[in-house]
Amino acid sequence: MPDGRKRISQHNSQALRNPWVLGWLALVVVVFAVNAGMVITAVVTNPGLVDEDYYEKGRDFERTFVSRMEARNRLGWSVALELPPRIALGEQALYRFVVTDDRGLPLTGAHVSVHAYRPSDADADFRFPMEEVAPGRYEAQVSFPLKGIWDVMLKVEREGDNYELRRRISVAAS
């Protein structure tokens, strides 16, 4: 008869050979895996923040989305948002935005602003305007008050035309 200590059995005194212990370990591993999946999903997907006029925006979401894409294509603007290579907590950094029209000429006289919001804390949200420093080139010096994940939405308005650009950034501890 084989040694009872080497097989998996309820009567085995070795913890890793007892099915009850193995079952509890498997359950803990499954719970951690599911939680890790939810954390990854929360970080990668939409922050889910609620707009003040969510009903009006959501009522015709598809039509609004299609009209925005058509307007963006109609405008033909070429845009580039230049972020600092490293964004650190409390440190001033230069943010640049360059935009040209459908003919490749710099877009001048636009009102450019950025709304920075945290997916986890709406009280930390803030806005900052960008100043035109050269034709079609807008800049702002900004420091973020909290480390972690931030979503930034750049909005360009000029003569009734609107353009939005969204980016997710990470602010490191200084």
Protein backbone atom coordinates (compact mmCIF):
# COMPACT_ATOMS: atom_id res chain seq x y z
CA MET A 1 0.00 0.00 0.00
CA PRO A 2 1.41 3.41 -0.99
CA ASP A 3 2.33 5.96 1.62
CA GLY A 4 -0.80 8.01 2.59
CA ARG A 5 1.23 11.16 3.01
CA LYS A 6 1.96 11.52 -0.71
CA ARG A 7 -1.56 11.44 -2.10
CA ILE A 8 -4.28 14.07 -1.96
CA SER A 9 -6.76 13.12 0.75
CA GLN A 10 -8.86 14.70 3.49
CA HIS A 11 -6.95 12.67 6.02
CA ASN A 12 -3.53 13.84 4.86
CA SER A 13 -1.84 16.03 7.48
CA GLN A 14 0.28 17.90 4.92
CA ALA A 15 -1.54 21.14 4.02
CA LEU A 16 -0.79 21.07 0.30
CA ARG A 17 -2.04 17.49 0.04
CA ASN A 18 -5.42 18.24 1.65
CA PRO A 19 -8.26 19.01 -0.83
CA TRP A 20 -9.85 21.53 1.57
CA VAL A 21 -6.68 23.59 1.72
CA LEU A 22 -6.20 23.31 -2.05
CA GLY A 23 -9.82 24.42 -2.59
CA TRP A 24 -9.37 27.49 -0.38
CA LEU A 25 -6.12 28.41 -2.15
CA ALA A 26 -7.83 28.06 -5.55
CA LEU A 27 -10.68 30.29 -4.35
CA VAL A 28 -8.25 32.98 -3.18
CA VAL A 29 -6.38 32.85 -6.51
CA VAL A 30 -9.66 33.22 -8.45
CA VAL A 31 -10.75 36.21 -6.32
CA PHE A 32 -7.40 37.95 -6.84
CA ALA A 33 -7.52 37.27 -10.60
CA VAL A 34 -11.03 38.71 -10.92
CA ASN A 35 -10.07 41.79 -8.89
CA ALA A 36 -6.95 42.32 -11.01
CA GLY A 37 -9.11 42.10 -14.14
CA MET A 38 -11.52 44.72 -12.79
CA VAL A 39 -8.68 47.07 -11.81
CA ILE A 40 -7.11 46.76 -15.26
CA THR A 41 -10.48 47.37 -16.91
CA ALA A 42 -11.08 50.45 -14.74
CA VAL A 43 -7.70 51.94 -15.63
CA VAL A 44 -7.89 51.26 -19.37
CA THR A 45 -11.51 52.19 -20.13
CA ASN A 46 -13.68 55.30 -19.91
CA PRO A 47 -13.53 57.03 -16.52
CA GLY A 48 -17.32 57.05 -16.33
CA LEU A 49 -17.56 60.56 -14.95
CA VAL A 50 -21.02 62.06 -15.23
CA ASP A 51 -21.56 65.29 -17.15
CA GLU A 52 -23.92 67.84 -15.68
CA ASP A 53 -26.12 67.63 -18.79
CA TYR A 54 -25.70 63.89 -19.28
CA TYR A 55 -29.31 63.31 -20.33
CA GLU A 56 -29.20 65.77 -23.21
CA LYS A 57 -25.81 64.46 -24.38
CA GLY A 58 -26.78 60.82 -24.05
CA ARG A 59 -30.23 61.11 -25.64
CA ASP A 60 -28.81 61.50 -29.12
CA PHE A 61 -25.34 60.02 -28.53
CA GLU A 62 -24.97 58.29 -31.87
CA ARG A 63 -26.21 61.26 -33.86
CA THR A 64 -23.96 63.58 -31.84
CA PHE A 65 -20.95 61.30 -32.35
CA VAL A 66 -21.55 61.04 -36.10
CA SER A 67 -22.03 64.80 -36.44
CA ARG A 68 -18.80 65.44 -34.49
CA MET A 69 -16.87 63.07 -36.75
CA GLU A 70 -18.36 64.71 -39.86
CA ALA A 71 -17.49 68.17 -38.51
CA ARG A 72 -13.95 67.05 -37.70
CA ASN A 73 -13.52 65.61 -41.21
CA ARG A 74 -15.10 68.72 -42.77
CA LEU A 75 -12.70 71.00 -40.89
CA GLY A 76 -9.67 69.03 -42.04
CA TRP A 77 -7.53 70.44 -39.24
CA SER A 78 -4.24 68.76 -38.45
CA VAL A 79 -3.49 68.80 -34.74
CA ALA A 80 -0.61 67.77 -32.50
CA LEU A 81 -0.59 67.89 -28.72
CA GLU A 82 2.94 67.82 -27.32
CA LEU A 83 3.12 66.58 -23.74
CA PRO A 84 6.23 66.72 -21.56
CA PRO A 85 8.23 63.47 -21.55
CA ARG A 86 7.79 63.19 -17.77
CA ILE A 87 4.95 64.77 -15.84
CA ALA A 88 5.75 65.11 -12.14
CA LEU A 89 3.64 66.16 -9.19
CA GLY A 90 3.80 69.92 -8.50
CA GLU A 91 6.36 70.66 -11.23
CA GLN A 92 5.60 73.24 -13.92
CA ALA A 93 5.72 71.73 -17.39
CA LEU A 94 5.16 73.17 -20.86
CA TYR A 95 2.25 71.84 -22.89
CA ARG A 96 2.15 72.70 -26.59
CA PHE A 97 -0.61 72.41 -29.14
CA VAL A 98 -0.05 72.97 -32.85
CA VAL A 99 -2.93 73.20 -35.32
CA THR A 100 -3.13 73.85 -39.05
CA ASP A 101 -6.19 74.24 -41.25
CA ASP A 102 -7.18 72.11 -44.24
CA ARG A 103 -4.74 74.04 -46.48
CA GLY A 104 -1.81 73.49 -44.12
CA LEU A 105 -1.81 77.08 -42.86
CA PRO A 106 -1.51 77.80 -39.12
CA LEU A 107 -4.87 78.22 -37.43
CA THR A 108 -4.80 81.61 -35.72
CA GLY A 109 -7.21 83.36 -33.39
CA ALA A 110 -8.62 80.21 -31.82
CA HIS A 111 -9.67 79.87 -28.22
CA VAL A 112 -7.86 76.81 -26.85
CA SER A 113 -8.49 75.48 -23.36
CA VAL A 114 -7.75 72.25 -21.54
CA HIS A 115 -9.91 70.58 -18.92
CA ALA A 116 -7.92 68.22 -16.70
CA TYR A 117 -9.96 65.83 -14.63
CA ARG A 118 -9.25 62.90 -12.37
CA PRO A 119 -11.31 59.76 -12.84
CA SER A 120 -11.28 59.21 -9.07
CA ASP A 121 -11.85 62.71 -7.68
CA ALA A 122 -13.97 65.37 -9.38
CA ASP A 123 -12.97 67.94 -6.74
CA ALA A 124 -9.42 68.00 -8.18
CA ASP A 125 -10.56 68.90 -11.71
CA PHE A 126 -9.27 72.15 -13.20
CA ARG A 127 -9.12 74.08 -16.46
CA PHE A 128 -6.36 76.11 -18.01
CA PRO A 129 -6.28 78.26 -21.15
CA MET A 130 -3.55 77.99 -23.76
CA GLU A 131 -2.10 81.17 -25.21
CA GLU A 132 -1.20 81.63 -28.85
CA VAL A 133 2.57 82.20 -28.91
CA ALA A 134 2.99 81.93 -32.68
CA PRO A 135 0.58 81.43 -35.57
CA GLY A 136 -1.13 78.08 -34.98
CA ARG A 137 0.98 77.34 -31.88
CA TYR A 138 -0.54 77.42 -28.41
CA GLU A 139 1.23 76.87 -25.08
CA ALA A 140 0.58 76.73 -21.35
CA GLN A 141 2.69 76.11 -18.25
CA VAL A 142 0.85 73.72 -15.95
CA SER A 143 1.51 71.81 -12.75
CA PHE A 144 -0.71 69.01 -11.52
CA PRO A 145 -1.69 69.05 -7.82
CA LEU A 146 -2.07 65.28 -7.40
CA LYS A 147 -0.18 62.26 -8.67
CA GLY A 148 -1.89 59.46 -10.57
CA ILE A 149 -4.07 59.13 -13.64
CA TRP A 150 -5.57 62.25 -15.25
CA ASP A 151 -7.71 62.66 -18.35
CA VAL A 152 -7.12 65.84 -20.33
CA MET A 153 -9.58 67.18 -22.87
CA LEU A 154 -8.34 69.91 -25.18
CA LYS A 155 -11.03 72.05 -26.78
CA VAL A 156 -10.46 74.37 -29.74
CA GLU A 157 -13.10 76.94 -30.70
CA ARG A 158 -12.83 79.27 -33.68
CA GLU A 159 -15.58 81.08 -35.57
CA GLY A 160 -18.25 78.58 -34.50
CA ASP A 161 -16.11 75.53 -35.28
CA ASN A 162 -15.20 73.16 -32.43
CA TYR A 163 -12.58 70.46 -32.14
CA GLU A 164 -11.92 68.18 -29.16
CA LEU A 165 -8.92 66.03 -28.39
CA ARG A 166 -8.65 63.67 -25.40
CA ARG A 167 -5.61 62.08 -23.80
CA ARG A 168 -4.98 60.08 -20.63
CA ILE A 169 -1.79 60.94 -18.76
CA SER A 170 -0.03 59.76 -15.64
CA VAL A 171 1.46 62.17 -13.11
CA ALA A 172 4.43 60.72 -11.25
CA ALA A 173 5.45 61.52 -7.69
CA SER A 174 8.19 64.17 -7.74
